[in-house]
């Protein structure tokens, strides 16, 4: 799995880092997910979409909103319902 930095934003007293995750699923091609890291907390959601651009847009929105690892799953769940 590759982890590509999308952005860093100040959050609380630290920097939150937002990543696009890329993995190759055998027989299906690439699949993308997101990861948020803040101090010692981290959260990831993998296999969201085969569309790199769609998941990159999500990762950029997470950074704009300064979403923390704790809130990642709720935001992704809402995004999946759009």
C-alpha atoms as a PDB file:
ATOM      1  CA  UNK A   1       0.000   0.000   0.000  1.00  0.00           C
ATOM      2  CA  UNK A   2       1.284   3.464  -0.909  1.00  0.00           C
ATOM      3  CA  UNK A   3       0.628   6.498   1.269  1.00  0.00           C
ATOM      4  CA  UNK A   4       0.671   9.853  -0.585  1.00  0.00           C
ATOM      5  CA  UNK A   5       0.571  13.098   1.419  1.00  0.00           C
ATOM      6  CA  UNK A   6      -2.313  15.333   0.333  1.00  0.00           C
ATOM      7  CA  UNK A   7      -1.922  18.091   2.917  1.00  0.00           C
ATOM      8  CA  UNK A   8      -1.074  19.259   6.405  1.00  0.00           C
ATOM      9  CA  UNK A   9      -3.105  21.703   8.474  1.00  0.00           C
ATOM     10  CA  UNK A  10      -2.798  23.083  11.997  1.00  0.00           C
ATOM     11  CA  UNK A  11      -5.165  21.238  14.291  1.00  0.00           C
ATOM     12  CA  UNK A  12      -5.293  21.647  18.049  1.00  0.00           C
ATOM     13  CA  UNK A  13      -1.667  22.197  19.085  1.00  0.00           C
ATOM     14  CA  UNK A  14      -0.203  20.021  16.346  1.00  0.00           C
ATOM     15  CA  UNK A  15      -0.316  19.340  12.599  1.00  0.00           C
ATOM     16  CA  UNK A  16      -2.853  16.972  11.089  1.00  0.00           C
ATOM     17  CA  UNK A  17      -1.647  15.077   8.019  1.00  0.00           C
ATOM     18  CA  UNK A  18      -3.972  13.773   5.311  1.00  0.00           C
ATOM     19  CA  UNK A  19      -3.045  10.965   2.953  1.00  0.00           C
ATOM     20  CA  UNK A  20      -4.393   9.274  -0.134  1.00  0.00           C
ATOM     21  CA  UNK A  21      -3.925   5.514   0.154  1.00  0.00           C
ATOM     22  CA  UNK A  22      -3.387   3.438  -2.964  1.00  0.00           C
ATOM     23  CA  UNK A  23      -3.372  -0.332  -3.124  1.00  0.00           C
ATOM     24  CA  UNK A  24      -3.612  -2.815  -5.938  1.00  0.00           C
ATOM     25  CA  UNK A  25      -6.351  -5.375  -5.515  1.00  0.00           C
ATOM     26  CA  UNK A  26      -5.410  -8.501  -7.412  1.00  0.00           C
ATOM     27  CA  UNK A  27      -7.680  -8.965 -10.396  1.00  0.00           C
ATOM     28  CA  UNK A  28      -9.420  -5.607  -9.891  1.00  0.00           C
ATOM     29  CA  UNK A  29      -6.712  -2.935 -10.239  1.00  0.00           C
ATOM     30  CA  UNK A  30      -6.102   0.044  -7.974  1.00  0.00           C
ATOM     31  CA  UNK A  31      -8.316   1.000  -5.061  1.00  0.00           C
ATOM     32  CA  UNK A  32      -8.061   4.183  -3.025  1.00  0.00           C
ATOM     33  CA  UNK A  33      -8.669   5.202   0.560  1.00  0.00           C
ATOM     34  CA  UNK A  34      -7.776   7.954   3.033  1.00  0.00           C
ATOM     35  CA  UNK A  35      -5.744   8.284   6.215  1.00  0.00           C
ATOM     36  CA  UNK A  36      -5.570  10.991   8.887  1.00  0.00           C
ATOM     37  CA  UNK A  37      -2.736  11.281  11.401  1.00  0.00           C
ATOM     38  CA  UNK A  38      -2.677  13.666  14.356  1.00  0.00           C
ATOM     39  CA  UNK A  39      -0.001  13.318  17.027  1.00  0.00           C
ATOM     40  CA  UNK A  40      -0.325   9.702  18.235  1.00  0.00           C
ATOM     41  CA  UNK A  41      -3.796   9.163  16.760  1.00  0.00           C
ATOM     42  CA  UNK A  42      -4.420   7.777  13.305  1.00  0.00           C
ATOM     43  CA  UNK A  43      -7.353   6.448  11.336  1.00  0.00           C
ATOM     44  CA  UNK A  44      -7.688   4.968   7.866  1.00  0.00           C
ATOM     45  CA  UNK A  45     -10.494   3.880   5.596  1.00  0.00           C
ATOM     46  CA  UNK A  46      -9.379   1.747   2.669  1.00  0.00           C
ATOM     47  CA  UNK A  47     -11.032   0.513  -0.515  1.00  0.00           C
ATOM     48  CA  UNK A  48     -13.388   3.480  -0.912  1.00  0.00           C
ATOM     49  CA  UNK A  49     -13.332   3.741  -4.704  1.00  0.00           C
ATOM     50  CA  UNK A  50     -11.373   2.815  -7.812  1.00  0.00           C
ATOM     51  CA  UNK A  51     -11.477   6.541  -8.742  1.00  0.00           C
ATOM     52  CA  UNK A  52      -8.277   8.239  -7.621  1.00  0.00           C
ATOM     53  CA  UNK A  53      -9.671  11.716  -8.326  1.00  0.00           C
ATOM     54  CA  UNK A  54     -12.836  11.148  -6.287  1.00  0.00           C
ATOM     55  CA  UNK A  55     -10.901   9.945  -3.231  1.00  0.00           C
ATOM     56  CA  UNK A  56      -8.274  12.676  -3.649  1.00  0.00           C
ATOM     57  CA  UNK A  57     -11.102  15.235  -3.583  1.00  0.00           C
ATOM     58  CA  UNK A  58     -12.326  13.629  -0.355  1.00  0.00           C
ATOM     59  CA  UNK A  59      -8.848  13.809   1.200  1.00  0.00           C
ATOM     60  CA  UNK A  60      -8.566  17.489   0.247  1.00  0.00           C
ATOM     61  CA  UNK A  61     -11.993  18.182   1.786  1.00  0.00           C
ATOM     62  CA  UNK A  62     -10.894  16.409   4.978  1.00  0.00           C
ATOM     63  CA  UNK A  63      -7.873  18.715   5.147  1.00  0.00           C
ATOM     64  CA  UNK A  64      -9.956  21.853   4.509  1.00  0.00           C
ATOM     65  CA  UNK A  65     -12.289  20.823   7.318  1.00  0.00           C
ATOM     66  CA  UNK A  66      -9.442  19.828   9.660  1.00  0.00           C
ATOM     67  CA  UNK A  67     -11.120  16.467  10.298  1.00  0.00           C
ATOM     68  CA  UNK A  68      -9.415  14.532  13.091  1.00  0.00           C
ATOM     69  CA  UNK A  69      -8.869  10.770  13.208  1.00  0.00           C
ATOM     70  CA  UNK A  70     -11.797  10.457  15.633  1.00  0.00           C
ATOM     71  CA  UNK A  71     -14.224  12.030  13.140  1.00  0.00           C
ATOM     72  CA  UNK A  72     -12.903  10.375   9.982  1.00  0.00           C
ATOM     73  CA  UNK A  73     -15.323   7.450   9.887  1.00  0.00           C
ATOM     74  CA  UNK A  74     -18.414   9.655  10.328  1.00  0.00           C
ATOM     75  CA  UNK A  75     -17.319  12.007   7.542  1.00  0.00           C
ATOM     76  CA  UNK A  76     -16.519   9.093   5.210  1.00  0.00           C
ATOM     77  CA  UNK A  77     -19.887   7.470   5.966  1.00  0.00           C
ATOM     78  CA  UNK A  78     -21.651  10.712   4.972  1.00  0.00           C
ATOM     79  CA  UNK A  79     -19.488  10.987   1.843  1.00  0.00           C
ATOM     80  CA  UNK A  80     -20.436   7.440   0.799  1.00  0.00           C
ATOM     81  CA  UNK A  81     -24.122   8.340   1.021  1.00  0.00           C
ATOM     82  CA  UNK A  82     -23.793  11.274  -1.410  1.00  0.00           C
END
